[in-house]
C-alpha cells in the first residue's frame, strides 16, 4: 500500500505547476469557513504536519521556475 506522502510525491511529480495551482486555489477559497491561509502556510502544513517534504519541494521549485 502506498503512503499518503508517497502518493502526494508521485502526484505532484506528474505536474508540479498544476499541483501548485491547486494549492493556490485552496488558499483563495480558504477563510470561508475557517481561517484564511496563504499558499506558504498551506505548504508549511503539508511539510511540517504531514511530512510531505518532497512534494512541497517540487511545488516550491515550480513556483520559482
PDB file of N, CA and C in Angstrom:
ATOM      1  N   UNK A   1       0.842  -1.169   0.000  1.00  0.00           N
ATOM      2  CA  UNK A   1       0.000   0.000   0.000  1.00  0.00           C
ATOM      3  C   UNK A   1       0.893   1.241   0.000  1.00  0.00           C
ATOM      4  N   UNK A   2       0.478   2.240  -0.742  1.00  0.00           N
ATOM      5  CA  UNK A   2       1.220   3.485  -0.889  1.00  0.00           C
ATOM      6  C   UNK A   2       0.851   4.445   0.239  1.00  0.00           C
ATOM      7  N   UNK A   3       1.855   5.049   0.861  1.00  0.00           N
ATOM      8  CA  UNK A   3       1.582   6.016   1.933  1.00  0.00           C
ATOM      9  C   UNK A   3       1.059   7.321   1.335  1.00  0.00           C
ATOM     10  N   UNK A   4       0.440   8.137   2.175  1.00  0.00           N
ATOM     11  CA  UNK A   4      -0.064   9.441   1.723  1.00  0.00           C
ATOM     12  C   UNK A   4       1.082  10.311   1.222  1.00  0.00           C
ATOM     13  N   UNK A   5       2.229  10.235   1.884  1.00  0.00           N
ATOM     14  CA  UNK A   5       3.398  11.013   1.457  1.00  0.00           C
ATOM     15  C   UNK A   5       3.857  10.609   0.062  1.00  0.00           C
ATOM     16  N   UNK A   6       3.939   9.304  -0.167  1.00  0.00           N
ATOM     17  CA  UNK A   6       4.372   8.826  -1.479  1.00  0.00           C
ATOM     18  C   UNK A   6       3.335   9.141  -2.551  1.00  0.00           C
ATOM     19  N   UNK A   7       2.063   9.019  -2.207  1.00  0.00           N
ATOM     20  CA  UNK A   7       1.005   9.369  -3.157  1.00  0.00           C
ATOM     21  C   UNK A   7       1.115  10.842  -3.541  1.00  0.00           C
ATOM     22  N   UNK A   8       1.291  11.711  -2.552  1.00  0.00           N
ATOM     23  CA  UNK A   8       1.425  13.144  -2.827  1.00  0.00           C
ATOM     24  C   UNK A   8       2.655  13.414  -3.685  1.00  0.00           C
ATOM     25  N   UNK A   9       3.770  12.786  -3.341  1.00  0.00           N
ATOM     26  CA  UNK A   9       5.008  12.971  -4.106  1.00  0.00           C
ATOM     27  C   UNK A   9       4.821  12.537  -5.554  1.00  0.00           C
ATOM     28  N   UNK A  10       4.240  11.370  -5.764  1.00  0.00           N
ATOM     29  CA  UNK A  10       4.035  10.858  -7.119  1.00  0.00           C
ATOM     30  C   UNK A  10       3.073  11.731  -7.910  1.00  0.00           C
ATOM     31  N   UNK A  11       2.029  12.211  -7.251  1.00  0.00           N
ATOM     32  CA  UNK A  11       1.035  13.040  -7.923  1.00  0.00           C
ATOM     33  C   UNK A  11       1.624  14.392  -8.300  1.00  0.00           C
ATOM     34  N   UNK A  12       2.338  15.015  -7.385  1.00  0.00           N
ATOM     35  CA  UNK A  12       2.961  16.308  -7.664  1.00  0.00           C
ATOM     36  C   UNK A  12       4.018  16.162  -8.758  1.00  0.00           C
ATOM     37  N   UNK A  13       4.748  15.056  -8.757  1.00  0.00           N
ATOM     38  CA  UNK A  13       5.800  14.835  -9.755  1.00  0.00           C
ATOM     39  C   UNK A  13       5.247  14.817 -11.176  1.00  0.00           C
ATOM     40  N   UNK A  14       3.998  14.423 -11.341  1.00  0.00           N
ATOM     41  CA  UNK A  14       3.395  14.407 -12.674  1.00  0.00           C
ATOM     42  C   UNK A  14       3.319  15.801 -13.272  1.00  0.00           C
ATOM     43  N   UNK A  15       2.983  16.794 -12.440  1.00  0.00           N
ATOM     44  CA  UNK A  15       2.898  18.169 -12.921  1.00  0.00           C
ATOM     45  C   UNK A  15       2.941  19.121 -11.725  1.00  0.00           C
ATOM     46  N   UNK A  16       4.136  19.504 -11.296  1.00  0.00           N
ATOM     47  CA  UNK A  16       4.266  20.363 -10.120  1.00  0.00           C
ATOM     48  C   UNK A  16       3.533  21.697 -10.246  1.00  0.00           C
ATOM     49  N   UNK A  17       3.465  22.243 -11.443  1.00  0.00           N
ATOM     50  CA  UNK A  17       2.770  23.531 -11.626  1.00  0.00           C
ATOM     51  C   UNK A  17       1.271  23.390 -11.406  1.00  0.00           C
ATOM     52  N   UNK A  18       0.697  22.299 -11.868  1.00  0.00           N
ATOM     53  CA  UNK A  18      -0.731  22.070 -11.618  1.00  0.00           C
ATOM     54  C   UNK A  18      -0.985  21.828 -10.133  1.00  0.00           C
ATOM     55  N   UNK A  19      -0.079  21.125  -9.483  1.00  0.00           N
ATOM     56  CA  UNK A  19      -0.220  20.893  -8.042  1.00  0.00           C
ATOM     57  C   UNK A  19      -0.164  22.217  -7.286  1.00  0.00           C
ATOM     58  N   UNK A  20       0.757  23.080  -7.670  1.00  0.00           N
ATOM     59  CA  UNK A  20       0.859  24.393  -7.038  1.00  0.00           C
ATOM     60  C   UNK A  20      -0.395  25.219  -7.308  1.00  0.00           C
ATOM     61  N   UNK A  21      -0.926  25.137  -8.513  1.00  0.00           N
ATOM     62  CA  UNK A  21      -2.165  25.856  -8.835  1.00  0.00           C
ATOM     63  C   UNK A  21      -3.313  25.379  -7.950  1.00  0.00           C
ATOM     64  N   UNK A  22      -3.348  24.097  -7.652  1.00  0.00           N
ATOM     65  CA  UNK A  22      -4.388  23.564  -6.764  1.00  0.00           C
ATOM     66  C   UNK A  22      -4.226  24.129  -5.356  1.00  0.00           C
ATOM     67  N   UNK A  23      -2.996  24.222  -4.883  1.00  0.00           N
ATOM     68  CA  UNK A  23      -2.749  24.802  -3.559  1.00  0.00           C
ATOM     69  C   UNK A  23      -3.127  26.283  -3.557  1.00  0.00           C
ATOM     70  N   UNK A  24      -2.831  26.984  -4.640  1.00  0.00           N
ATOM     71  CA  UNK A  24      -3.216  28.394  -4.743  1.00  0.00           C
ATOM     72  C   UNK A  24      -4.735  28.548  -4.689  1.00  0.00           C
ATOM     73  N   UNK A  25      -5.450  27.660  -5.330  1.00  0.00           N
ATOM     74  CA  UNK A  25      -6.914  27.695  -5.298  1.00  0.00           C
ATOM     75  C   UNK A  25      -7.438  27.425  -3.890  1.00  0.00           C
ATOM     76  N   UNK A  26      -6.811  26.506  -3.189  1.00  0.00           N
ATOM     77  CA  UNK A  26      -7.197  26.238  -1.797  1.00  0.00           C
ATOM     78  C   UNK A  26      -6.999  27.504  -0.963  1.00  0.00           C
ATOM     79  N   UNK A  27      -5.880  28.195  -1.168  1.00  0.00           N
ATOM     80  CA  UNK A  27      -5.609  29.424  -0.419  1.00  0.00           C
ATOM     81  C   UNK A  27      -6.653  30.492  -0.725  1.00  0.00           C
ATOM     82  N   UNK A  28      -7.024  30.621  -1.985  1.00  0.00           N
ATOM     83  CA  UNK A  28      -8.040  31.604  -2.381  1.00  0.00           C
ATOM     84  C   UNK A  28      -9.368  31.302  -1.709  1.00  0.00           C
ATOM     85  N   UNK A  29      -9.727  30.035  -1.653  1.00  0.00           N
ATOM     86  CA  UNK A  29     -11.014  29.634  -1.081  1.00  0.00           C
ATOM     87  C   UNK A  29     -11.005  29.580   0.443  1.00  0.00           C
ATOM     88  N   UNK A  30      -9.831  29.584   1.037  1.00  0.00           N
ATOM     89  CA  UNK A  30      -9.771  29.498   2.498  1.00  0.00           C
ATOM     90  C   UNK A  30     -10.361  30.764   3.108  1.00  0.00           C
ATOM     91  N   UNK A  31     -10.792  30.644   4.332  1.00  0.00           N
ATOM     92  CA  UNK A  31     -11.376  31.777   5.022  1.00  0.00           C
ATOM     93  C   UNK A  31     -12.886  31.812   4.973  1.00  0.00           C
ATOM     94  N   UNK A  32     -13.471  31.007   4.116  1.00  0.00           N
ATOM     95  CA  UNK A  32     -14.933  30.971   4.023  1.00  0.00           C
ATOM     96  C   UNK A  32     -15.556  30.320   5.247  1.00  0.00           C
ATOM     97  N   UNK A  33     -14.928  29.260   5.737  1.00  0.00           N
ATOM     98  CA  UNK A  33     -15.469  28.518   6.879  1.00  0.00           C
ATOM     99  C   UNK A  33     -14.455  28.334   7.989  1.00  0.00           C
ATOM    100  N   UNK A  34     -13.327  28.937   7.854  1.00  0.00           N
ATOM    101  CA  UNK A  34     -12.270  28.821   8.856  1.00  0.00           C
ATOM    102  C   UNK A  34     -11.261  29.920   8.616  1.00  0.00           C
ATOM    103  N   UNK A  35     -10.068  29.704   9.095  1.00  0.00           N
ATOM    104  CA  UNK A  35      -9.016  30.708   8.946  1.00  0.00           C
ATOM    105  C   UNK A  35      -8.586  30.847   7.488  1.00  0.00           C
ATOM    106  N   UNK A  36      -8.317  32.077   7.081  1.00  0.00           N
ATOM    107  CA  UNK A  36      -7.744  32.316   5.760  1.00  0.00           C
ATOM    108  C   UNK A  36      -6.273  31.909   5.807  1.00  0.00           C
ATOM    109  N   UNK A  37      -5.842  31.178   4.800  1.00  0.00           N
ATOM    110  CA  UNK A  37      -4.468  30.680   4.755  1.00  0.00           C
ATOM    111  C   UNK A  37      -3.777  31.155   3.490  1.00  0.00           C
ATOM    112  N   UNK A  38      -2.490  31.411   3.596  1.00  0.00           N
ATOM    113  CA  UNK A  38      -1.691  31.735   2.421  1.00  0.00           C
ATOM    114  C   UNK A  38      -1.161  30.438   1.808  1.00  0.00           C
ATOM    115  N   UNK A  39      -0.659  30.537   0.602  1.00  0.00           N
ATOM    116  CA  UNK A  39      -0.037  29.376  -0.042  1.00  0.00           C
ATOM    117  C   UNK A  39       1.111  28.866   0.827  1.00  0.00           C
ATOM    118  N   UNK A  40       1.897  29.786   1.356  1.00  0.00           N
ATOM    119  CA  UNK A  40       3.035  29.398   2.186  1.00  0.00           C
ATOM    120  C   UNK A  40       2.581  28.645   3.432  1.00  0.00           C
ATOM    121  N   UNK A  41       1.505  29.096   4.050  1.00  0.00           N
ATOM    122  CA  UNK A  41       1.001  28.416   5.247  1.00  0.00           C
ATOM    123  C   UNK A  41       0.510  27.004   4.921  1.00  0.00           C
ATOM    124  N   UNK A  42      -0.129  26.856   3.782  1.00  0.00           N
ATOM    125  CA  UNK A  42      -0.607  25.531   3.372  1.00  0.00           C
ATOM    126  C   UNK A  42       0.581  24.615   3.093  1.00  0.00           C
ATOM    127  N   UNK A  43       1.569  25.121   2.376  1.00  0.00           N
ATOM    128  CA  UNK A  43       2.760  24.314   2.092  1.00  0.00           C
ATOM    129  C   UNK A  43       3.498  23.954   3.378  1.00  0.00           C
ATOM    130  N   UNK A  44       3.580  24.896   4.311  1.00  0.00           N
ATOM    131  CA  UNK A  44       4.214  24.608   5.605  1.00  0.00           C
ATOM    132  C   UNK A  44       3.479  23.490   6.335  1.00  0.00           C
ATOM    133  N   UNK A  45       2.154  23.526   6.300  1.00  0.00           N
ATOM    134  CA  UNK A  45       1.356  22.485   6.958  1.00  0.00           C
ATOM    135  C   UNK A  45       1.586  21.132   6.306  1.00  0.00           C
ATOM    136  N   UNK A  46       1.596  21.105   4.974  1.00  0.00           N
ATOM    137  CA  UNK A  46       1.836  19.841   4.270  1.00  0.00           C
ATOM    138  C   UNK A  46       3.211  19.279   4.622  1.00  0.00           C
ATOM    139  N   UNK A  47       4.196  20.159   4.708  1.00  0.00           N
ATOM    140  CA  UNK A  47       5.557  19.720   5.018  1.00  0.00           C
ATOM    141  C   UNK A  47       5.707  19.325   6.488  1.00  0.00           C
ATOM    142  N   UNK A  48       5.282  20.206   7.386  1.00  0.00           N
ATOM    143  CA  UNK A  48       5.563  20.010   8.814  1.00  0.00           C
ATOM    144  C   UNK A  48       4.616  19.024   9.492  1.00  0.00           C
ATOM    145  N   UNK A  49       3.341  19.118   9.201  1.00  0.00           N
ATOM    146  CA  UNK A  49       2.373  18.254   9.883  1.00  0.00           C
ATOM    147  C   UNK A  49       2.261  16.894   9.213  1.00  0.00           C
ATOM    148  N   UNK A  50       2.303  16.883   7.872  1.00  0.00           N
ATOM    149  CA  UNK A  50       2.064  15.636   7.149  1.00  0.00           C
ATOM    150  C   UNK A  50       3.319  15.022   6.544  1.00  0.00           C
ATOM    151  N   UNK A  51       4.462  15.676   6.690  1.00  0.00           N
ATOM    152  CA  UNK A  51       5.724  15.117   6.225  1.00  0.00           C
ATOM    153  C   UNK A  51       5.858  15.011   4.719  1.00  0.00           C
ATOM    154  N   UNK A  52       5.138  15.839   3.989  1.00  0.00           N
ATOM    155  CA  UNK A  52       5.159  15.786   2.521  1.00  0.00           C
ATOM    156  C   UNK A  52       6.279  16.678   1.979  1.00  0.00           C
ATOM    157  N   UNK A  53       7.476  16.424   2.468  1.00  0.00           N
ATOM    158  CA  UNK A  53       8.637  17.263   2.183  1.00  0.00           C
ATOM    159  C   UNK A  53       8.953  17.299   0.691  1.00  0.00           C
ATOM    160  N   UNK A  54       9.026  16.150   0.063  1.00  0.00           N
ATOM    161  CA  UNK A  54       9.403  16.096  -1.351  1.00  0.00           C
ATOM    162  C   UNK A  54       8.349  16.751  -2.235  1.00  0.00           C
ATOM    163  N   UNK A  55       7.086  16.529  -1.932  1.00  0.00           N
ATOM    164  CA  UNK A  55       6.007  17.137  -2.716  1.00  0.00           C
ATOM    165  C   UNK A  55       6.069  18.654  -2.608  1.00  0.00           C
ATOM    166  N   UNK A  56       6.281  19.155  -1.401  1.00  0.00           N
ATOM    167  CA  UNK A  56       6.358  20.605  -1.194  1.00  0.00           C
ATOM    168  C   UNK A  56       7.578  21.174  -1.911  1.00  0.00           C
ATOM    169  N   UNK A  57       8.708  20.492  -1.833  1.00  0.00           N
ATOM    170  CA  UNK A  57       9.914  20.971  -2.511  1.00  0.00           C
ATOM    171  C   UNK A  57       9.694  21.097  -4.012  1.00  0.00           C
ATOM    172  N   UNK A  58       9.004  20.133  -4.601  1.00  0.00           N
ATOM    173  CA  UNK A  58       8.730  20.199  -6.040  1.00  0.00           C
ATOM    174  C   UNK A  58       7.841  21.389  -6.378  1.00  0.00           C
ATOM    175  N   UNK A  59       6.843  21.666  -5.535  1.00  0.00           N
ATOM    176  CA  UNK A  59       5.956  22.805  -5.793  1.00  0.00           C
ATOM    177  C   UNK A  59       6.684  24.131  -5.608  1.00  0.00           C
ATOM    178  N   UNK A  60       7.536  24.221  -4.596  1.00  0.00           N
ATOM    179  CA  UNK A  60       8.315  25.446  -4.376  1.00  0.00           C
ATOM    180  C   UNK A  60       9.247  25.680  -5.557  1.00  0.00           C
ATOM    181  N   UNK A  61       9.863  24.621  -6.031  1.00  0.00           N
ATOM    182  CA  UNK A  61      10.747  24.719  -7.197  1.00  0.00           C
ATOM    183  C   UNK A  61       9.970  25.170  -8.431  1.00  0.00           C
ATOM    184  N   UNK A  62       8.763  24.657  -8.606  1.00  0.00           N
ATOM    185  CA  UNK A  62       7.923  25.051  -9.744  1.00  0.00           C
ATOM    186  C   UNK A  62       7.543  26.522  -9.649  1.00  0.00           C
ATOM    187  N   UNK A  63       7.346  27.017  -8.434  1.00  0.00           N
ATOM    188  CA  UNK A  63       6.968  28.417  -8.242  1.00  0.00           C
ATOM    189  C   UNK A  63       8.105  29.355  -8.624  1.00  0.00           C
ATOM    190  N   UNK A  64       9.331  28.914  -8.433  1.00  0.00           N
ATOM    191  CA  UNK A  64      10.476  29.776  -8.727  1.00  0.00           C
ATOM    192  C   UNK A  64      10.965  29.631 -10.167  1.00  0.00           C
ATOM    193  N   UNK A  65      10.383  28.709 -10.896  1.00  0.00           N
ATOM    194  CA  UNK A  65      10.817  28.485 -12.293  1.00  0.00           C
ATOM    195  C   UNK A  65      10.120  29.430 -13.250  1.00  0.00           C
TER     196      UNK A  65
END
